[in-house]
C-alpha atoms as a PDB file:
ATOM      1  CA  UNK A   1     128.702 -35.059  48.805  1.00  0.00           C
ATOM      2  CA  UNK A   2     126.301 -36.024  51.557  1.00  0.00           C
ATOM      3  CA  UNK A   3     123.578 -34.081  53.332  1.00  0.00           C
ATOM      4  CA  UNK A   4     123.791 -33.437  57.062  1.00  0.00           C
ATOM      5  CA  UNK A   5     120.992 -34.269  59.475  1.00  0.00           C
ATOM      6  CA  UNK A   6     120.018 -30.606  59.680  1.00  0.00           C
ATOM      7  CA  UNK A   7     119.918 -30.358  55.871  1.00  0.00           C
ATOM      8  CA  UNK A   8     117.769 -33.475  55.611  1.00  0.00           C
ATOM      9  CA  UNK A   9     115.304 -31.869  58.015  1.00  0.00           C
ATOM     10  CA  UNK A  10     115.475 -28.405  56.407  1.00  0.00           C
ATOM     11  CA  UNK A  11     114.793 -29.731  52.903  1.00  0.00           C
ATOM     12  CA  UNK A  12     112.556 -32.636  53.903  1.00  0.00           C
ATOM     13  CA  UNK A  13     109.433 -31.346  52.152  1.00  0.00           C
ATOM     14  CA  UNK A  14     111.172 -31.131  48.782  1.00  0.00           C
ATOM     15  CA  UNK A  15     113.192 -34.303  49.313  1.00  0.00           C
ATOM     16  CA  UNK A  16     109.979 -36.329  49.500  1.00  0.00           C
ATOM     17  CA  UNK A  17     109.026 -35.223  45.985  1.00  0.00           C
ATOM     18  CA  UNK A  18     109.508 -38.223  43.683  1.00  0.00           C
ATOM     19  CA  UNK A  19     110.886 -35.936  40.961  1.00  0.00           C
ATOM     20  CA  UNK A  20     113.466 -34.354  43.280  1.00  0.00           C
ATOM     21  CA  UNK A  21     115.434 -36.928  45.310  1.00  0.00           C
ATOM     22  CA  UNK A  22     118.595 -36.612  47.355  1.00  0.00           C
ATOM     23  CA  UNK A  23     120.657 -36.569  44.170  1.00  0.00           C
ATOM     24  CA  UNK A  24     118.957 -33.379  43.001  1.00  0.00           C
ATOM     25  CA  UNK A  25     119.498 -31.809  46.420  1.00  0.00           C
ATOM     26  CA  UNK A  26     123.186 -32.646  46.317  1.00  0.00           C
ATOM     27  CA  UNK A  27     123.485 -31.195  42.815  1.00  0.00           C
ATOM     28  CA  UNK A  28     121.909 -28.000  44.104  1.00  0.00           C
ATOM     29  CA  UNK A  29     124.215 -27.921  47.114  1.00  0.00           C
ATOM     30  CA  UNK A  30     127.261 -28.113  44.851  1.00  0.00           C
ATOM     31  CA  UNK A  31     125.965 -25.402  42.486  1.00  0.00           C
ATOM     32  CA  UNK A  32     126.449 -21.658  42.341  1.00  0.00           C
ATOM     33  CA  UNK A  33     124.200 -18.925  40.959  1.00  0.00           C
ATOM     34  CA  UNK A  34     124.559 -15.231  40.212  1.00  0.00           C
ATOM     35  CA  UNK A  35     121.450 -13.069  40.586  1.00  0.00           C
ATOM     36  CA  UNK A  36     121.565  -9.709  38.818  1.00  0.00           C
ATOM     37  CA  UNK A  37     119.399  -7.341  40.839  1.00  0.00           C
ATOM     38  CA  UNK A  38     118.059  -7.604  44.390  1.00  0.00           C
ATOM     39  CA  UNK A  39     114.778  -5.845  43.741  1.00  0.00           C
ATOM     40  CA  UNK A  40     111.275  -6.847  42.691  1.00  0.00           C
ATOM     41  CA  UNK A  41     112.316  -9.990  40.802  1.00  0.00           C
ATOM     42  CA  UNK A  42     115.547 -10.603  42.656  1.00  0.00           C
ATOM     43  CA  UNK A  43     113.847 -10.730  46.052  1.00  0.00           C
ATOM     44  CA  UNK A  44     111.813 -13.893  45.356  1.00  0.00           C
ATOM     45  CA  UNK A  45     114.606 -15.403  43.251  1.00  0.00           C
ATOM     46  CA  UNK A  46     117.210 -15.000  45.991  1.00  0.00           C
ATOM     47  CA  UNK A  47     114.795 -16.108  48.678  1.00  0.00           C
ATOM     48  CA  UNK A  48     113.715 -19.321  46.969  1.00  0.00           C
ATOM     49  CA  UNK A  49     117.187 -20.327  45.744  1.00  0.00           C
ATOM     50  CA  UNK A  50     118.558 -19.798  49.238  1.00  0.00           C
ATOM     51  CA  UNK A  51     115.667 -21.582  50.915  1.00  0.00           C
ATOM     52  CA  UNK A  52     115.969 -24.512  48.500  1.00  0.00           C
ATOM     53  CA  UNK A  53     119.626 -25.022  49.425  1.00  0.00           C
ATOM     54  CA  UNK A  54     121.846 -23.732  46.641  1.00  0.00           C
ATOM     55  CA  UNK A  55     125.492 -23.948  47.608  1.00  0.00           C
ATOM     56  CA  UNK A  56     126.619 -20.427  46.725  1.00  0.00           C
ATOM     57  CA  UNK A  57     124.706 -17.323  45.674  1.00  0.00           C
ATOM     58  CA  UNK A  58     126.114 -14.067  44.354  1.00  0.00           C
ATOM     59  CA  UNK A  59     123.883 -10.971  44.516  1.00  0.00           C
ATOM     60  CA  UNK A  60     124.780  -8.104  42.162  1.00  0.00           C
ATOM     61  CA  UNK A  61     123.154  -4.706  42.740  1.00  0.00           C
ATOM     62  CA  UNK A  62     124.700  -1.243  43.007  1.00  0.00           C
ATOM     63  CA  UNK A  63     121.585   0.511  44.322  1.00  0.00           C
ATOM     64  CA  UNK A  64     120.538   1.452  47.828  1.00  0.00           C
ATOM     65  CA  UNK A  65     117.122   0.687  49.296  1.00  0.00           C
ATOM     66  CA  UNK A  66     114.500   3.396  48.761  1.00  0.00           C
ATOM     67  CA  UNK A  67     111.132   3.625  50.452  1.00  0.00           C
ATOM     68  CA  UNK A  68     109.396   3.340  47.055  1.00  0.00           C
ATOM     69  CA  UNK A  69     110.982  -0.120  46.648  1.00  0.00           C
ATOM     70  CA  UNK A  70     109.323  -1.666  49.669  1.00  0.00           C
ATOM     71  CA  UNK A  71     105.910  -2.532  48.177  1.00  0.00           C
ATOM     72  CA  UNK A  72     107.513  -4.975  45.725  1.00  0.00           C
ATOM     73  CA  UNK A  73     110.930  -5.946  47.145  1.00  0.00           C
ATOM     74  CA  UNK A  74     110.291  -8.105  50.229  1.00  0.00           C
ATOM     75  CA  UNK A  75     113.954  -8.713  51.006  1.00  0.00           C
ATOM     76  CA  UNK A  76     114.106  -5.117  52.210  1.00  0.00           C
ATOM     77  CA  UNK A  77     112.266  -3.604  55.180  1.00  0.00           C
ATOM     78  CA  UNK A  78     111.544  -0.035  56.280  1.00  0.00           C
ATOM     79  CA  UNK A  79     114.618   0.187  58.588  1.00  0.00           C
ATOM     80  CA  UNK A  80     116.782  -0.815  55.606  1.00  0.00           C
ATOM     81  CA  UNK A  81     116.158   2.387  53.623  1.00  0.00           C
ATOM     82  CA  UNK A  82     119.551   3.785  52.585  1.00  0.00           C
ATOM     83  CA  UNK A  83     121.415   0.482  52.882  1.00  0.00           C
ATOM     84  CA  UNK A  84     123.102  -1.202  49.933  1.00  0.00           C
ATOM     85  CA  UNK A  85     120.659  -3.705  48.416  1.00  0.00           C
ATOM     86  CA  UNK A  86     123.251  -6.405  47.716  1.00  0.00           C
ATOM     87  CA  UNK A  87     124.643  -6.324  51.242  1.00  0.00           C
ATOM     88  CA  UNK A  88     121.220  -6.075  52.840  1.00  0.00           C
ATOM     89  CA  UNK A  89     119.997  -9.043  50.788  1.00  0.00           C
ATOM     90  CA  UNK A  90     123.030 -11.081  51.811  1.00  0.00           C
ATOM     91  CA  UNK A  91     122.334 -10.334  55.465  1.00  0.00           C
ATOM     92  CA  UNK A  92     118.690 -11.422  55.211  1.00  0.00           C
ATOM     93  CA  UNK A  93     119.495 -14.545  53.201  1.00  0.00           C
ATOM     94  CA  UNK A  94     122.185 -15.584  55.661  1.00  0.00           C
ATOM     95  CA  UNK A  95     119.584 -15.533  58.419  1.00  0.00           C
ATOM     96  CA  UNK A  96     117.136 -17.498  56.265  1.00  0.00           C
ATOM     97  CA  UNK A  97     119.616 -20.293  55.540  1.00  0.00           C
ATOM     98  CA  UNK A  98     123.087 -20.308  57.137  1.00  0.00           C
ATOM     99  CA  UNK A  99     123.971 -23.367  55.015  1.00  0.00           C
ATOM    100  CA  UNK A 100     124.245 -21.148  51.919  1.00  0.00           C
ATOM    101  CA  UNK A 101     127.256 -18.949  51.129  1.00  0.00           C
ATOM    102  CA  UNK A 102     125.936 -15.566  49.946  1.00  0.00           C
ATOM    103  CA  UNK A 103     128.306 -13.084  48.310  1.00  0.00           C
ATOM    104  CA  UNK A 104     127.167  -9.455  47.834  1.00  0.00           C
ATOM    105  CA  UNK A 105     128.475  -7.518  44.830  1.00  0.00           C
ATOM    106  CA  UNK A 106     127.429  -3.852  45.254  1.00  0.00           C
ATOM    107  CA  UNK A 107     128.509  -2.910  41.723  1.00  0.00           C
ATOM    108  CA  UNK A 108     126.893  -1.937  38.440  1.00  0.00           C
ATOM    109  CA  UNK A 109     127.205  -4.723  35.887  1.00  0.00           C
ATOM    110  CA  UNK A 110     128.356  -3.569  32.458  1.00  0.00           C
ATOM    111  CA  UNK A 111     130.020  -4.879  29.323  1.00  0.00           C
ATOM    112  CA  UNK A 112     133.463  -4.650  30.933  1.00  0.00           C
ATOM    113  CA  UNK A 113     132.844  -6.572  34.157  1.00  0.00           C
ATOM    114  CA  UNK A 114     129.971  -8.867  33.141  1.00  0.00           C
ATOM    115  CA  UNK A 115     132.139 -11.727  31.780  1.00  0.00           C
ATOM    116  CA  UNK A 116     134.125 -11.863  35.019  1.00  0.00           C
ATOM    117  CA  UNK A 117     130.990 -11.709  37.176  1.00  0.00           C
ATOM    118  CA  UNK A 118     129.218 -14.607  35.427  1.00  0.00           C
ATOM    119  CA  UNK A 119     132.353 -16.718  34.893  1.00  0.00           C
ATOM    120  CA  UNK A 120     132.191 -20.033  36.717  1.00  0.00           C
ATOM    121  CA  UNK A 121     128.526 -19.738  37.717  1.00  0.00           C
ATOM    122  CA  UNK A 122     126.253 -22.700  37.064  1.00  0.00           C
ATOM    123  CA  UNK A 123     123.346 -20.379  36.297  1.00  0.00           C
ATOM    124  CA  UNK A 124     122.715 -16.636  36.071  1.00  0.00           C
ATOM    125  CA  UNK A 125     119.310 -15.180  36.857  1.00  0.00           C
ATOM    126  CA  UNK A 126     118.807 -11.726  35.379  1.00  0.00           C
ATOM    127  CA  UNK A 127     116.427  -9.696  37.522  1.00  0.00           C
ATOM    128  CA  UNK A 128     117.504  -6.298  36.208  1.00  0.00           C
ATOM    129  CA  UNK A 129     115.067  -3.621  35.083  1.00  0.00           C
ATOM    130  CA  UNK A 130     117.110  -2.304  32.157  1.00  0.00           C
ATOM    131  CA  UNK A 131     117.151  -3.453  28.536  1.00  0.00           C
ATOM    132  CA  UNK A 132     120.802  -2.441  28.293  1.00  0.00           C
ATOM    133  CA  UNK A 133     121.683  -4.693  31.230  1.00  0.00           C
ATOM    134  CA  UNK A 134     119.698  -7.622  29.819  1.00  0.00           C
ATOM    135  CA  UNK A 135     121.678  -7.569  26.587  1.00  0.00           C
ATOM    136  CA  UNK A 136     124.966  -7.218  28.454  1.00  0.00           C
ATOM    137  CA  UNK A 137     124.147 -10.165  30.726  1.00  0.00           C
ATOM    138  CA  UNK A 138     122.885 -12.286  27.829  1.00  0.00           C
ATOM    139  CA  UNK A 139     126.039 -11.647  25.799  1.00  0.00           C
ATOM    140  CA  UNK A 140     128.320 -12.420  28.747  1.00  0.00           C
ATOM    141  CA  UNK A 141     126.488 -15.672  29.511  1.00  0.00           C
ATOM    142  CA  UNK A 142     126.651 -16.721  25.877  1.00  0.00           C
ATOM    143  CA  UNK A 143     130.375 -15.987  25.701  1.00  0.00           C
ATOM    144  CA  UNK A 144     130.966 -18.000  28.887  1.00  0.00           C
ATOM    145  CA  UNK A 145     128.483 -20.789  28.085  1.00  0.00           C
ATOM    146  CA  UNK A 146     126.544 -20.121  31.316  1.00  0.00           C
ATOM    147  CA  UNK A 147     122.809 -20.962  31.445  1.00  0.00           C
ATOM    148  CA  UNK A 148     120.615 -17.915  31.983  1.00  0.00           C
ATOM    149  CA  UNK A 149     117.074 -17.160  33.131  1.00  0.00           C
ATOM    150  CA  UNK A 150     115.786 -13.846  31.765  1.00  0.00           C
ATOM    151  CA  UNK A 151     112.630 -12.043  32.857  1.00  0.00           C
ATOM    152  CA  UNK A 152     110.893  -8.710  32.898  1.00  0.00           C
ATOM    153  CA  UNK A 153     107.842  -7.279  34.642  1.00  0.00           C
ATOM    154  CA  UNK A 154     105.791  -4.130  34.202  1.00  0.00           C
ATOM    155  CA  UNK A 155     102.328  -3.350  35.480  1.00  0.00           C
ATOM    156  CA  UNK A 156     100.413  -6.632  35.577  1.00  0.00           C
ATOM    157  CA  UNK A 157     102.538  -8.256  32.849  1.00  0.00           C
ATOM    158  CA  UNK A 158     105.693 -10.321  32.832  1.00  0.00           C
ATOM    159  CA  UNK A 159     107.779 -12.641  30.704  1.00  0.00           C
ATOM    160  CA  UNK A 160     110.300 -15.395  31.402  1.00  0.00           C
ATOM    161  CA  UNK A 161     112.804 -17.135  29.118  1.00  0.00           C
ATOM    162  CA  UNK A 162     115.376 -19.793  30.009  1.00  0.00           C
ATOM    163  CA  UNK A 163     118.533 -20.035  27.918  1.00  0.00           C
ATOM    164  CA  UNK A 164     121.151 -22.695  27.362  1.00  0.00           C
ATOM    165  CA  UNK A 165     123.795 -20.986  25.210  1.00  0.00           C
ATOM    166  CA  UNK A 166     124.612 -23.032  22.148  1.00  0.00           C
ATOM    167  CA  UNK A 167     121.471 -25.120  22.544  1.00  0.00           C
ATOM    168  CA  UNK A 168     118.454 -22.821  22.768  1.00  0.00           C
ATOM    169  CA  UNK A 169     117.456 -19.326  21.700  1.00  0.00           C
ATOM    170  CA  UNK A 170     119.170 -16.573  23.650  1.00  0.00           C
ATOM    171  CA  UNK A 171     117.676 -13.185  24.533  1.00  0.00           C
ATOM    172  CA  UNK A 172     119.130 -11.610  21.368  1.00  0.00           C
ATOM    173  CA  UNK A 173     117.646 -14.402  19.262  1.00  0.00           C
ATOM    174  CA  UNK A 174     114.189 -13.495  20.560  1.00  0.00           C
ATOM    175  CA  UNK A 175     114.722  -9.715  20.749  1.00  0.00           C
ATOM    176  CA  UNK A 176     117.514  -8.904  18.271  1.00  0.00           C
ATOM    177  CA  UNK A 177     117.659  -5.182  19.021  1.00  0.00           C
ATOM    178  CA  UNK A 178     117.006  -3.004  22.019  1.00  0.00           C
ATOM    179  CA  UNK A 179     113.752  -1.005  21.746  1.00  0.00           C
ATOM    180  CA  UNK A 180     114.199   2.682  20.915  1.00  0.00           C
ATOM    181  CA  UNK A 181     114.772   4.935  23.881  1.00  0.00           C
ATOM    182  CA  UNK A 182     111.469   6.070  25.380  1.00  0.00           C
ATOM    183  CA  UNK A 183     109.349   3.514  23.515  1.00  0.00           C
ATOM    184  CA  UNK A 184     108.840   1.335  26.606  1.00  0.00           C
ATOM    185  CA  UNK A 185     107.807   3.065  29.842  1.00  0.00           C
ATOM    186  CA  UNK A 186     109.874   2.492  32.948  1.00  0.00           C
ATOM    187  CA  UNK A 187     108.581   1.047  36.202  1.00  0.00           C
ATOM    188  CA  UNK A 188     108.566   4.585  37.601  1.00  0.00           C
ATOM    189  CA  UNK A 189     106.356   5.725  34.714  1.00  0.00           C
ATOM    190  CA  UNK A 190     104.025   2.745  34.201  1.00  0.00           C
ATOM    191  CA  UNK A 191     104.051   1.209  37.668  1.00  0.00           C
ATOM    192  CA  UNK A 192     104.182  -2.410  38.764  1.00  0.00           C
ATOM    193  CA  UNK A 193     102.152  -4.458  41.221  1.00  0.00           C
ATOM    194  CA  UNK A 194     104.358  -6.203  43.746  1.00  0.00           C
ATOM    195  CA  UNK A 195     102.427  -9.467  43.628  1.00  0.00           C
ATOM    196  CA  UNK A 196     102.940  -9.683  39.856  1.00  0.00           C
ATOM    197  CA  UNK A 197     106.688  -9.316  40.321  1.00  0.00           C
ATOM    198  CA  UNK A 198     106.475 -12.017  42.989  1.00  0.00           C
ATOM    199  CA  UNK A 199     104.847 -14.424  40.531  1.00  0.00           C
ATOM    200  CA  UNK A 200     107.375 -13.741  37.782  1.00  0.00           C
ATOM    201  CA  UNK A 201     110.350 -13.907  40.149  1.00  0.00           C
ATOM    202  CA  UNK A 202     109.101 -17.185  41.598  1.00  0.00           C
ATOM    203  CA  UNK A 203     108.907 -18.622  38.077  1.00  0.00           C
ATOM    204  CA  UNK A 204     112.484 -17.473  37.505  1.00  0.00           C
ATOM    205  CA  UNK A 205     113.600 -19.248  40.667  1.00  0.00           C
ATOM    206  CA  UNK A 206     111.833 -22.419  39.577  1.00  0.00           C
ATOM    207  CA  UNK A 207     113.489 -22.235  36.165  1.00  0.00           C
ATOM    208  CA  UNK A 208     116.913 -21.820  37.776  1.00  0.00           C
ATOM    209  CA  UNK A 209     116.290 -24.861  39.974  1.00  0.00           C
ATOM    210  CA  UNK A 210     115.351 -26.891  36.894  1.00  0.00           C
ATOM    211  CA  UNK A 211     118.504 -25.867  35.059  1.00  0.00           C
ATOM    212  CA  UNK A 212     120.693 -26.634  38.075  1.00  0.00           C
ATOM    213  CA  UNK A 213     119.243 -30.025  38.968  1.00  0.00           C
ATOM    214  CA  UNK A 214     117.978 -31.356  35.606  1.00  0.00           C
ATOM    215  CA  UNK A 215     114.575 -31.846  37.233  1.00  0.00           C
ATOM    216  CA  UNK A 216     111.608 -30.744  35.137  1.00  0.00           C
ATOM    217  CA  UNK A 217     111.448 -29.123  31.717  1.00  0.00           C
ATOM    218  CA  UNK A 218     112.893 -25.576  31.571  1.00  0.00           C
ATOM    219  CA  UNK A 219     111.452 -22.819  29.382  1.00  0.00           C
ATOM    220  CA  UNK A 220     114.154 -23.177  26.728  1.00  0.00           C
ATOM    221  CA  UNK A 221     113.046 -22.193  23.219  1.00  0.00           C
ATOM    222  CA  UNK A 222     109.826 -20.976  24.840  1.00  0.00           C
ATOM    223  CA  UNK A 223     108.885 -17.491  25.989  1.00  0.00           C
ATOM    224  CA  UNK A 224     106.338 -17.450  28.811  1.00  0.00           C
ATOM    225  CA  UNK A 225     104.089 -14.382  28.878  1.00  0.00           C
ATOM    226  CA  UNK A 226     102.214 -13.730  32.127  1.00  0.00           C
ATOM    227  CA  UNK A 227      99.106 -11.561  32.302  1.00  0.00           C
ATOM    228  CA  UNK A 228      98.500 -11.031  35.988  1.00  0.00           C
ATOM    229  CA  UNK A 229      95.264  -9.146  35.402  1.00  0.00           C
ATOM    230  CA  UNK A 230      93.535 -12.109  33.737  1.00  0.00           C
ATOM    231  CA  UNK A 231      95.852 -14.895  34.980  1.00  0.00           C
ATOM    232  CA  UNK A 232      96.439 -15.978  31.395  1.00  0.00           C
ATOM    233  CA  UNK A 233      99.766 -17.666  30.690  1.00  0.00           C
ATOM    234  CA  UNK A 234     100.843 -17.780  27.040  1.00  0.00           C
ATOM    235  CA  UNK A 235     103.830 -19.731  25.752  1.00  0.00           C
ATOM    236  CA  UNK A 236     105.431 -18.623  22.490  1.00  0.00           C
ATOM    237  CA  UNK A 237     107.909 -20.878  20.701  1.00  0.00           C
ATOM    238  CA  UNK A 238     111.350 -19.427  19.939  1.00  0.00           C
ATOM    239  CA  UNK A 239     114.408 -20.678  18.065  1.00  0.00           C
ATOM    240  CA  UNK A 240     118.046 -19.766  17.589  1.00  0.00           C
ATOM    241  CA  UNK A 241     118.952 -17.298  14.858  1.00  0.00           C
ATOM    242  CA  UNK A 242     121.878 -18.301  12.677  1.00  0.00           C
ATOM    243  CA  UNK A 243     123.096 -14.708  12.521  1.00  0.00           C
ATOM    244  CA  UNK A 244     122.717 -13.941  16.238  1.00  0.00           C
ATOM    245  CA  UNK A 245     125.661 -11.813  17.324  1.00  0.00           C
ATOM    246  CA  UNK A 246     125.590 -13.293  20.826  1.00  0.00           C
ATOM    247  CA  UNK A 247     125.202 -17.053  20.401  1.00  0.00           C
ATOM    248  CA  UNK A 248     125.549 -18.014  16.719  1.00  0.00           C
ATOM    249  CA  UNK A 249     129.083 -19.272  17.232  1.00  0.00           C
ATOM    250  CA  UNK A 250     128.603 -20.712  20.725  1.00  0.00           C
ATOM    251  CA  UNK A 251     128.997 -24.512  20.621  1.00  0.00           C
ATOM    252  CA  UNK A 252     126.746 -26.691  22.739  1.00  0.00           C
ATOM    253  CA  UNK A 253     129.871 -28.387  24.058  1.00  0.00           C
ATOM    254  CA  UNK A 254     130.572 -25.267  26.109  1.00  0.00           C
ATOM    255  CA  UNK A 255     127.824 -26.254  28.531  1.00  0.00           C
ATOM    256  CA  UNK A 256     128.845 -27.232  32.029  1.00  0.00           C
END
């Protein structure tokens, strides 16, 4: 695979990075990603993966744009209220970079369709705002051997974890059980600052680029905690659990 003249110009500022190279760009061009959620985290993730030159991007989101989304979801504008988020994101991303194939999936991901949605992807980036969805996506990625970048954000706080099934701790290894209903406030209840979501989503995008190109050191077996109020970043070591119901029997050889 070779890069066209327009691609060389478009990606010139990252191509000059000594760590990146044309080989990394070509790996990215041949790769595909699935982003779960086109909201506060998904907006920066989709934007930066598309801008960087990923070959194919799938955007999964069943929701429509609401006016209360706009302070933290910069893929969507005021005239977009009422439109499907996945389709609206695909439209915006296609304008940002016509070199990238963007596929909208305006569906709710669940235990039944998740394996089919993540199948064949080179990386999945989970930008959902539901614990139930995070476990579903984690389990599907583990069963398919698909690398995953998990994250969450609430208020001024966020966390990010990168996962290579069969090699590093998965989401269930770190958080074996879903928190009891009502024990963690929702975004609607506790609030979230858009800029904090932008930071966390940008870290997710960077992690996905690392996993796709083998450039840099991903946050595998490490949980990054972000405190936006103090700008303190804390890294906590993690490890696989032998009894993990999601990844205990996933062999490293399943990796693409």
